[in-house]
Amino acid sequence: MRTFDPRPPSGRYLSFHEREEIALLKAQAKGVREIARTVGRDPGTISRELRRNAATRGGTPDYRASVAQWKADLVARRPKTAKLLANPLLRDYVQTRLSGQISRPDGTLIAGPTMGEWTGRNKGHRQDRAWVQAWSPEQIANRLKLDFPDDKSMRISHEAIYQALYIQGRGALKRELILCLRTGRALRAPRARAHRKIWAHVTPEALISERPAEAEDRGVPGHWEGDLIIGLQRSAIGTVVERTTRFTMLVHLPREEGYGLIPRTKNGPALAGYGAISMKNALATAMSSLPEQLARSLTWDRGKEMSAHAQFKVETGIPVFFADPQSPWQRGTNENTNGLLRQYFPKGTDLARWSADELEAVAHALNTRPRKTLGWKTPAEAFNEHLLLIQQPGVASTG
């Protein structure tokens, strides 16, 4: 038996002294949970330790600290030969489930679209992808247990498959097989990014549940809904609709200076025209001219373009509220209006080519179109009625 270092490599792993304590408690017939409480470890950690690192030479599992430490050190030695390198049958199974050709029920192979040579980058945007089996690593790892129930050598974790694909030097699988994964990413997303809070800009006081109740029944004018309609080449137009009158304003979002000239960099400046600051400035310019009685609140979806909502409120006095995730009906007026606007700004077109004057003309066309929900009045007429009520001294605008 080789010598071992009794010092723990880190707090993540059991130390030799902890293993001695486990051995003593085990000899006293203590249970797993009682040992875990005494040692200060999770019960699952203790259970795995007793199962994996027990001495078995005597025919029955017998836990001894020195043997357990030797076994743990042996398993921890690096570098280790990757399972997919050492087991050709396992490697072929994994590669076939990732990149194997699809076929008809009768077994006839279907080639699918012709693919070019892999360039080492992500899957092409809006381009054909190879038609392959495309099992996920998790599906492969769990199906092995069903296909080879008695062959313990045919086992691999989904994480080992991901590492074989993404970590250079693990080399058991061809790098281009990442395109067979659903995401097709050339680089793996860090865990911190996958678990980070994607709506960090939505503060508790900005939830739609905090919006004044008067906004619900549309009886009081001045509550607006907003969103973006997106076009090609990161172009966008801001849309803002008043809930009571359906009056629409379009916000011009021209690209910032340097767009297309300055290379795109991670966490670099937002030059597309609807970054948080650009959006805040354009929206504040459009809505700051409204009288206070007709600018009571603004409800937006959870897009990052409204991350500067706190500054927007300071500058305009209009509080911003965010709809719940995947709840477009909470901004139904705006969603309906965006559908009408797609007649003028179809999907798949560059919206940056339209000037502020042209957007104003489209908004005017919508605002002078009679609406059934307004008794066939136009949104412009309904909005002007409220403006006239505000201008009369001592008259409150309640709809």
Protein backbone atom coordinates (compact mmCIF):
# COMPACT_ATOMS: atom_id res chain seq x y z
CA MET A 1 0.00 0.00 0.00
CA ARG A 2 1.48 3.35 -0.98
CA THR A 3 1.85 6.18 1.50
CA PHE A 4 -0.74 8.92 1.64
CA ASP A 5 -0.85 12.51 2.78
CA PRO A 6 -3.19 12.86 5.79
CA ARG A 7 -3.71 16.55 5.09
CA PRO A 8 -7.00 17.27 3.28
CA PRO A 9 -6.63 18.67 -0.28
CA SER A 10 -9.50 21.08 0.42
CA GLY A 11 -12.64 21.37 2.51
CA ARG A 12 -14.56 19.83 -0.36
CA TYR A 13 -13.11 16.37 0.32
CA LEU A 14 -13.09 14.26 3.48
CA SER A 15 -9.84 14.47 5.41
CA PHE A 16 -7.99 11.55 7.02
CA HIS A 17 -9.01 12.81 10.47
CA GLU A 18 -12.68 12.84 9.41
CA ARG A 19 -12.31 9.29 8.13
CA GLU A 20 -10.85 8.23 11.48
CA GLU A 21 -13.87 9.75 13.24
CA ILE A 22 -16.23 7.99 10.82
CA ALA A 23 -14.48 4.67 11.50
CA LEU A 24 -14.82 5.11 15.27
CA LEU A 25 -18.50 6.00 15.06
CA LYS A 26 -19.15 3.14 12.63
CA ALA A 27 -17.50 0.72 15.09
CA GLN A 28 -19.95 2.00 17.72
CA ALA A 29 -22.84 1.02 15.39
CA LYS A 30 -23.90 4.62 14.85
CA GLY A 31 -26.24 5.33 11.94
CA VAL A 32 -25.36 7.30 8.83
CA ARG A 33 -27.30 10.40 9.83
CA GLU A 34 -25.86 10.44 13.35
CA ILE A 35 -22.35 10.15 11.92
CA ALA A 36 -23.11 12.96 9.47
CA ARG A 37 -24.29 15.26 12.25
CA THR A 38 -21.20 14.51 14.35
CA VAL A 39 -18.73 15.00 11.51
CA GLY A 40 -20.61 17.96 10.04
CA ARG A 41 -21.13 16.46 6.60
CA ASP A 42 -24.13 15.65 4.44
CA PRO A 43 -25.63 12.16 5.03
CA GLY A 44 -25.17 11.38 1.35
CA THR A 45 -21.44 12.05 1.65
CA ILE A 46 -21.15 9.62 4.57
CA SER A 47 -23.25 6.98 2.80
CA ARG A 48 -21.08 7.13 -0.34
CA GLU A 49 -17.89 7.03 1.74
CA LEU A 50 -18.97 3.88 3.58
CA ARG A 51 -20.04 2.22 0.34
CA ARG A 52 -17.10 3.14 -1.90
CA ASN A 53 -14.10 3.13 0.37
CA ALA A 54 -14.75 0.21 2.71
CA ALA A 55 -12.14 -2.56 2.91
CA THR A 56 -13.45 -5.74 1.26
CA ARG A 57 -10.47 -8.11 1.51
CA GLY A 58 -12.01 -10.02 4.41
CA GLY A 59 -15.13 -10.80 2.36
CA THR A 60 -17.39 -8.33 4.14
CA PRO A 61 -17.29 -4.52 4.00
CA ASP A 62 -15.24 -3.22 6.90
CA TYR A 63 -14.55 0.49 7.09
CA ARG A 64 -11.02 1.46 8.13
CA ALA A 65 -9.71 5.01 7.86
CA SER A 66 -6.31 4.10 6.39
CA VAL A 67 -7.80 1.90 3.65
CA ALA A 68 -10.48 4.47 2.89
CA GLN A 69 -7.87 7.23 2.52
CA TRP A 70 -5.73 5.03 0.25
CA LYS A 71 -8.71 4.27 -1.97
CA ALA A 72 -9.73 7.93 -2.14
CA ASP A 73 -6.18 8.98 -3.09
CA LEU A 74 -6.05 6.29 -5.75
CA VAL A 75 -9.27 7.45 -7.38
CA ALA A 76 -8.18 11.11 -7.21
CA ARG A 77 -4.93 10.56 -9.13
CA ARG A 78 -4.68 12.60 -12.32
CA PRO A 79 -4.47 12.44 -15.25
CA LYS A 80 -6.89 9.55 -15.75
CA THR A 81 -7.59 7.81 -19.03
CA ALA A 82 -10.95 8.97 -20.31
CA LYS A 83 -13.60 6.24 -20.42
CA LEU A 84 -14.41 7.02 -24.04
CA LEU A 85 -10.75 6.53 -24.99
CA ALA A 86 -10.39 3.26 -23.10
CA ASN A 87 -13.67 1.72 -24.28
CA PRO A 88 -14.17 1.79 -28.11
CA LEU A 89 -17.62 0.16 -27.84
CA LEU A 90 -18.80 2.88 -25.47
CA ARG A 91 -17.30 5.59 -27.68
CA ASP A 92 -19.05 4.23 -30.80
CA TYR A 93 -22.35 4.04 -28.92
CA VAL A 94 -22.08 7.69 -27.82
CA GLN A 95 -20.99 8.96 -31.25
CA THR A 96 -23.77 7.08 -33.03
CA ARG A 97 -26.44 8.55 -30.73
CA LEU A 98 -25.01 12.02 -31.22
CA SER A 99 -24.26 12.05 -34.94
CA GLY A 100 -25.83 8.94 -36.45
CA GLN A 101 -27.97 9.42 -39.56
CA ILE A 102 -31.72 9.48 -39.21
CA SER A 103 -33.80 6.92 -41.07
CA ARG A 104 -37.34 6.05 -42.02
CA PRO A 105 -39.19 3.40 -39.97
CA ASP A 106 -38.15 0.78 -42.54
CA GLY A 107 -34.47 1.59 -41.98
CA THR A 108 -33.91 3.66 -45.13
CA LEU A 109 -31.32 6.34 -44.34
CA ILE A 110 -32.22 9.98 -44.99
CA ALA A 111 -29.31 12.28 -45.78
CA GLY A 112 -30.94 15.61 -44.99
CA PRO A 113 -29.39 18.94 -46.06
CA THR A 114 -25.82 19.12 -47.37
CA MET A 115 -23.50 20.63 -44.78
CA GLY A 116 -20.30 22.59 -45.33
CA GLU A 117 -17.07 22.09 -43.45
CA TRP A 118 -17.14 23.02 -39.76
CA THR A 119 -15.38 26.32 -39.07
CA GLY A 120 -14.99 25.90 -35.31
CA ARG A 121 -17.77 28.37 -34.54
CA ASN A 122 -21.38 28.09 -33.37
CA LYS A 123 -24.12 26.75 -35.60
CA GLY A 124 -25.00 29.17 -38.38
CA HIS A 125 -27.90 31.52 -37.65
CA ARG A 126 -30.94 30.64 -39.76
CA GLN A 127 -29.00 28.04 -41.73
CA ASP A 128 -29.53 24.34 -42.31
CA ARG A 129 -28.17 21.96 -39.68
CA ALA A 130 -27.28 18.31 -40.09
CA TRP A 131 -30.14 15.84 -39.65
CA VAL A 132 -28.70 13.48 -37.05
CA GLN A 133 -29.94 11.39 -34.12
CA ALA A 134 -28.98 14.28 -31.79
CA TRP A 135 -29.56 12.51 -28.49
CA SER A 136 -28.64 14.67 -25.51
CA PRO A 137 -25.78 13.48 -23.25
CA GLU A 138 -28.34 12.90 -20.50
CA GLN A 139 -30.44 10.69 -22.76
CA ILE A 140 -27.37 8.70 -23.81
CA ALA A 141 -26.12 8.24 -20.23
CA ASN A 142 -29.47 6.95 -18.98
CA ARG A 143 -30.27 4.78 -22.02
CA LEU A 144 -27.02 2.86 -21.53
CA LYS A 145 -28.43 1.39 -18.32
CA LEU A 146 -31.38 -0.04 -20.26
CA ASP A 147 -29.42 -1.28 -23.29
CA PHE A 148 -26.59 -2.82 -21.21
CA PRO A 149 -28.12 -3.67 -17.82
CA ASP A 150 -25.43 -6.25 -16.92
CA ASP A 151 -22.37 -4.57 -18.43
CA LYS A 152 -21.00 -2.08 -15.91
CA SER A 153 -18.27 -1.01 -18.34
CA MET A 154 -20.97 0.55 -20.52
CA ARG A 155 -21.62 3.41 -18.15
CA ILE A 156 -20.77 7.09 -18.46
CA SER A 157 -22.16 10.27 -16.98
CA HIS A 158 -23.62 13.05 -19.10
CA GLU A 159 -20.98 15.41 -17.68
CA ALA A 160 -18.19 13.15 -18.99
CA ILE A 161 -19.72 13.35 -22.48
CA TYR A 162 -19.92 17.14 -22.30
CA GLN A 163 -16.29 17.33 -21.17
CA ALA A 164 -15.20 15.02 -24.00
CA LEU A 165 -16.85 17.44 -26.44
CA TYR A 166 -15.80 20.75 -24.96
CA ILE A 167 -12.46 20.27 -23.17
CA GLN A 168 -9.46 20.24 -25.45
CA GLY A 169 -7.13 17.37 -24.67
CA ARG A 170 -9.90 14.99 -23.55
CA GLY A 171 -9.97 14.13 -27.25
CA ALA A 172 -12.22 11.08 -27.18
CA LEU A 173 -14.91 12.69 -29.35
CA LYS A 174 -14.53 14.87 -32.41
CA ARG A 175 -14.91 18.55 -31.62
CA GLU A 176 -17.41 19.13 -34.42
CA LEU A 177 -19.91 16.84 -32.70
CA ILE A 178 -20.95 19.84 -30.59
CA LEU A 179 -23.10 20.81 -33.58
CA CYS A 180 -25.18 17.69 -32.87
CA LEU A 181 -26.21 19.16 -29.51
CA ARG A 182 -29.41 21.15 -29.45
CA THR A 183 -27.69 24.47 -28.72
CA GLY A 184 -24.82 23.93 -31.14
CA ARG A 185 -22.55 26.17 -29.04
CA ALA A 186 -18.84 26.09 -29.79
CA LEU A 187 -18.16 27.17 -26.20
CA ARG A 188 -19.91 25.87 -23.14
CA ALA A 189 -21.87 28.45 -21.16
CA PRO A 190 -20.33 28.95 -17.69
CA ARG A 191 -22.40 27.68 -14.78
CA ALA A 192 -22.59 31.18 -13.30
CA ARG A 193 -24.17 32.45 -16.50
CA ALA A 194 -26.66 29.58 -16.62
CA HIS A 195 -27.77 30.19 -13.02
CA ARG A 196 -27.61 33.96 -12.92
CA LYS A 197 -30.73 36.01 -12.34
CA ILE A 198 -31.88 36.94 -15.80
CA TRP A 199 -34.32 39.61 -14.61
CA ALA A 200 -32.12 41.36 -12.09
CA HIS A 201 -33.43 44.73 -13.30
CA VAL A 202 -36.99 43.85 -12.21
CA THR A 203 -37.12 45.16 -8.65
CA PRO A 204 -39.93 44.16 -6.23
CA GLU A 205 -41.61 47.57 -6.42
CA ALA A 206 -41.69 47.32 -10.23
CA LEU A 207 -43.72 44.10 -10.43
CA ILE A 208 -47.08 44.34 -12.17
CA SER A 209 -48.77 43.30 -8.92
CA GLU A 210 -47.71 46.70 -7.54
CA ARG A 211 -49.38 48.62 -10.38
CA PRO A 212 -52.35 50.78 -9.30
CA ALA A 213 -55.62 48.85 -9.43
CA GLU A 214 -57.20 51.62 -11.50
CA ALA A 215 -55.14 50.51 -14.49
CA GLU A 216 -56.95 47.17 -14.69
CA ASP A 217 -60.43 48.31 -15.76
CA ARG A 218 -59.17 51.03 -18.14
CA GLY A 219 -61.52 53.51 -16.49
CA VAL A 220 -58.75 56.01 -15.73
CA PRO A 221 -56.64 57.13 -18.71
CA GLY A 222 -52.88 57.58 -18.54
CA HIS A 223 -51.74 53.99 -18.08
CA TRP A 224 -49.54 52.86 -20.96
CA GLU A 225 -48.13 49.57 -22.25
CA GLY A 226 -44.87 49.32 -24.16
CA ASP A 227 -42.57 46.93 -26.00
CA LEU A 228 -40.21 46.67 -28.96
CA ILE A 229 -40.80 45.26 -32.40
CA ILE A 230 -37.55 43.78 -33.67
CA GLY A 231 -36.22 43.70 -37.23
CA LEU A 232 -33.15 42.50 -39.06
CA GLN A 233 -29.60 43.53 -38.15
CA ARG A 234 -30.53 44.41 -34.57
CA SER A 235 -33.00 47.11 -35.61
CA ALA A 236 -36.02 47.98 -33.47
CA ILE A 237 -38.93 50.38 -33.00
CA GLY A 238 -40.42 51.22 -29.61
CA THR A 239 -44.20 51.02 -29.31
CA VAL A 240 -46.22 52.66 -26.54
CA VAL A 241 -50.02 52.36 -26.32
CA GLU A 242 -52.45 54.02 -23.91
CA ARG A 243 -54.75 51.38 -22.40
CA THR A 244 -58.01 53.38 -22.34
CA THR A 245 -57.93 55.15 -25.72
CA ARG A 246 -55.56 52.82 -27.65
CA PHE A 247 -53.58 55.92 -28.64
CA THR A 248 -50.22 54.80 -30.03
CA MET A 249 -46.79 56.44 -30.05
CA LEU A 250 -43.84 55.02 -31.98
CA VAL A 251 -40.36 55.61 -30.57
CA HIS A 252 -37.58 56.10 -33.08
CA LEU A 253 -34.47 54.13 -32.08
CA PRO A 254 -31.66 55.01 -34.50
CA ARG A 255 -28.41 53.11 -34.28
CA GLU A 256 -25.64 54.71 -32.27
CA GLU A 257 -22.56 56.20 -33.88
CA GLY A 258 -20.03 53.47 -34.62
CA TYR A 259 -22.53 50.69 -35.27
CA GLY A 260 -21.11 48.37 -37.92
CA LEU A 261 -17.68 49.96 -37.61
CA ILE A 262 -16.69 49.07 -34.05
CA PRO A 263 -16.31 45.27 -33.63
CA ARG A 264 -18.88 43.73 -31.30
CA THR A 265 -17.30 42.96 -27.94
CA LYS A 266 -18.60 41.19 -24.87
CA ASN A 267 -20.10 43.72 -22.43
CA GLY A 268 -19.20 46.45 -24.93
CA PRO A 269 -21.29 49.51 -25.77
CA ALA A 270 -24.86 48.92 -26.96
CA LEU A 271 -24.81 50.53 -30.39
CA ALA A 272 -27.94 48.97 -31.91
CA GLY A 273 -30.13 51.81 -30.63
CA TYR A 274 -32.08 50.04 -27.90
CA GLY A 275 -29.54 49.61 -25.14
CA ALA A 276 -30.75 50.60 -21.66
CA ILE A 277 -29.53 54.22 -21.83
CA SER A 278 -30.54 54.79 -25.46
CA MET A 279 -33.99 53.33 -24.75
CA LYS A 280 -34.43 55.42 -21.62
CA ASN A 281 -33.50 58.65 -23.41
CA ALA A 282 -35.70 58.01 -26.46
CA LEU A 283 -38.70 56.97 -24.36
CA ALA A 284 -38.30 59.90 -21.99
CA THR A 285 -38.24 62.30 -24.95
CA ALA A 286 -41.41 60.75 -26.38
CA MET A 287 -43.41 60.70 -23.11
CA SER A 288 -42.17 63.77 -21.24
CA SER A 289 -44.54 66.02 -23.20
CA LEU A 290 -47.61 64.21 -21.85
CA PRO A 291 -49.62 65.95 -19.12
CA GLU A 292 -49.30 64.35 -15.68
CA GLN A 293 -52.89 63.08 -15.71
CA LEU A 294 -52.20 61.13 -18.91
CA ALA A 295 -48.86 59.67 -17.81
CA ARG A 296 -49.67 57.63 -14.71
CA SER A 297 -47.75 54.40 -15.39
CA LEU A 298 -45.98 52.34 -18.03
CA THR A 299 -46.14 48.52 -18.20
CA TRP A 300 -43.33 46.77 -20.09
CA ASP A 301 -42.28 43.22 -20.72
CA ARG A 302 -39.08 41.94 -19.08
CA GLY A 303 -36.64 43.00 -21.78
CA LYS A 304 -33.26 44.33 -20.67
CA GLU A 305 -33.82 47.47 -22.75
CA MET A 306 -35.75 48.89 -19.77
CA SER A 307 -32.97 48.24 -17.24
CA ALA A 308 -32.72 52.00 -16.66
CA HIS A 309 -36.36 52.25 -15.54
CA ALA A 310 -35.40 53.88 -12.24
CA GLN A 311 -33.69 56.78 -14.04
CA PHE A 312 -36.63 56.99 -16.43
CA LYS A 313 -38.98 57.44 -13.47
CA VAL A 314 -36.78 60.18 -12.00
CA GLU A 315 -36.68 62.08 -15.28
CA THR A 316 -40.34 61.74 -16.26
CA GLY A 317 -42.22 60.92 -13.05
CA ILE A 318 -43.73 57.87 -14.75
CA PRO A 319 -43.33 54.61 -12.78
CA VAL A 320 -42.52 51.50 -14.80
CA PHE A 321 -44.04 48.10 -14.02
CA PHE A 322 -42.96 44.77 -15.54
CA ALA A 323 -45.33 42.02 -16.64
CA ASP A 324 -44.87 38.50 -15.32
CA PRO A 325 -42.69 36.13 -17.39
CA GLN A 326 -44.42 34.58 -20.40
CA SER A 327 -47.62 36.55 -19.74
CA PRO A 328 -48.26 38.63 -22.88
CA TRP A 329 -51.95 38.96 -21.99
CA GLN A 330 -50.95 41.34 -19.21
CA ARG A 331 -49.99 43.74 -22.00
CA GLY A 332 -52.72 42.71 -24.39
CA THR A 333 -53.34 46.19 -25.82
CA ASN A 334 -49.69 46.54 -26.80
CA GLU A 335 -49.47 43.02 -28.22
CA ASN A 336 -52.54 43.67 -30.39
CA THR A 337 -51.11 46.98 -31.59
CA ASN A 338 -47.79 45.35 -32.48
CA GLY A 339 -49.72 42.90 -34.61
CA LEU A 340 -51.35 45.80 -36.47
CA LEU A 341 -47.97 47.48 -36.93
CA ARG A 342 -46.52 44.39 -38.61
CA GLN A 343 -48.58 45.38 -41.66
CA TYR A 344 -46.23 48.33 -42.01
CA PHE A 345 -43.09 46.75 -40.51
CA PRO A 346 -43.06 43.06 -41.52
CA LYS A 347 -40.85 40.55 -39.75
CA GLY A 348 -37.53 39.96 -41.46
CA THR A 349 -37.08 43.59 -42.58
CA ASP A 350 -34.58 46.23 -41.48
CA LEU A 351 -36.50 48.72 -39.31
CA ALA A 352 -33.59 51.16 -39.05
CA ARG A 353 -34.30 52.50 -42.54
CA TRP A 354 -37.41 54.38 -41.34
CA SER A 355 -37.05 57.92 -40.06
CA ALA A 356 -38.83 59.50 -37.11
CA ASP A 357 -41.17 61.35 -39.50
CA GLU A 358 -42.13 58.11 -41.22
CA LEU A 359 -42.83 56.44 -37.87
CA GLU A 360 -45.00 59.38 -36.91
CA ALA A 361 -47.00 58.90 -40.11
CA VAL A 362 -47.63 55.23 -39.34
CA ALA A 363 -48.69 56.08 -35.79
CA HIS A 364 -51.06 58.71 -37.18
CA ALA A 365 -52.58 56.12 -39.52
CA LEU A 366 -53.34 53.85 -36.56
CA ASN A 367 -54.60 56.68 -34.37
CA THR A 368 -57.06 57.88 -37.02
CA ARG A 369 -58.47 54.42 -37.69
CA PRO A 370 -61.93 53.91 -36.07
CA ARG A 371 -62.08 51.20 -33.42
CA LYS A 372 -65.04 49.06 -32.50
CA THR A 373 -63.98 49.00 -28.83
CA LEU A 374 -64.20 52.83 -28.79
CA GLY A 375 -67.68 52.96 -30.31
CA TRP A 376 -66.09 53.58 -33.71
CA LYS A 377 -64.28 56.65 -32.52
CA THR A 378 -60.62 56.89 -33.42
CA PRO A 379 -57.89 56.68 -30.75
CA ALA A 380 -56.91 60.26 -31.58
CA GLU A 381 -60.46 61.48 -30.93
CA ALA A 382 -60.71 59.56 -27.64
CA PHE A 383 -57.33 60.85 -26.50
CA ASN A 384 -58.20 64.45 -27.41
CA GLU A 385 -61.40 64.21 -25.36
CA HIS A 386 -59.33 63.48 -22.26
CA LEU A 387 -56.93 66.30 -23.11
CA LEU A 388 -59.86 68.72 -23.29
CA LEU A 389 -61.20 67.47 -19.93
CA ILE A 390 -57.82 68.10 -18.32
CA GLN A 391 -57.72 71.64 -19.68
CA GLN A 392 -61.08 72.47 -18.05
CA PRO A 393 -60.46 73.85 -14.55
CA GLY A 394 -61.84 71.73 -11.71
CA VAL A 395 -62.73 68.75 -13.91
CA ALA A 396 -61.04 65.44 -13.12
CA SER A 397 -60.28 62.97 -15.90
CA THR A 398 -61.84 59.66 -14.88
CA GLY A 399 -63.00 58.39 -18.21
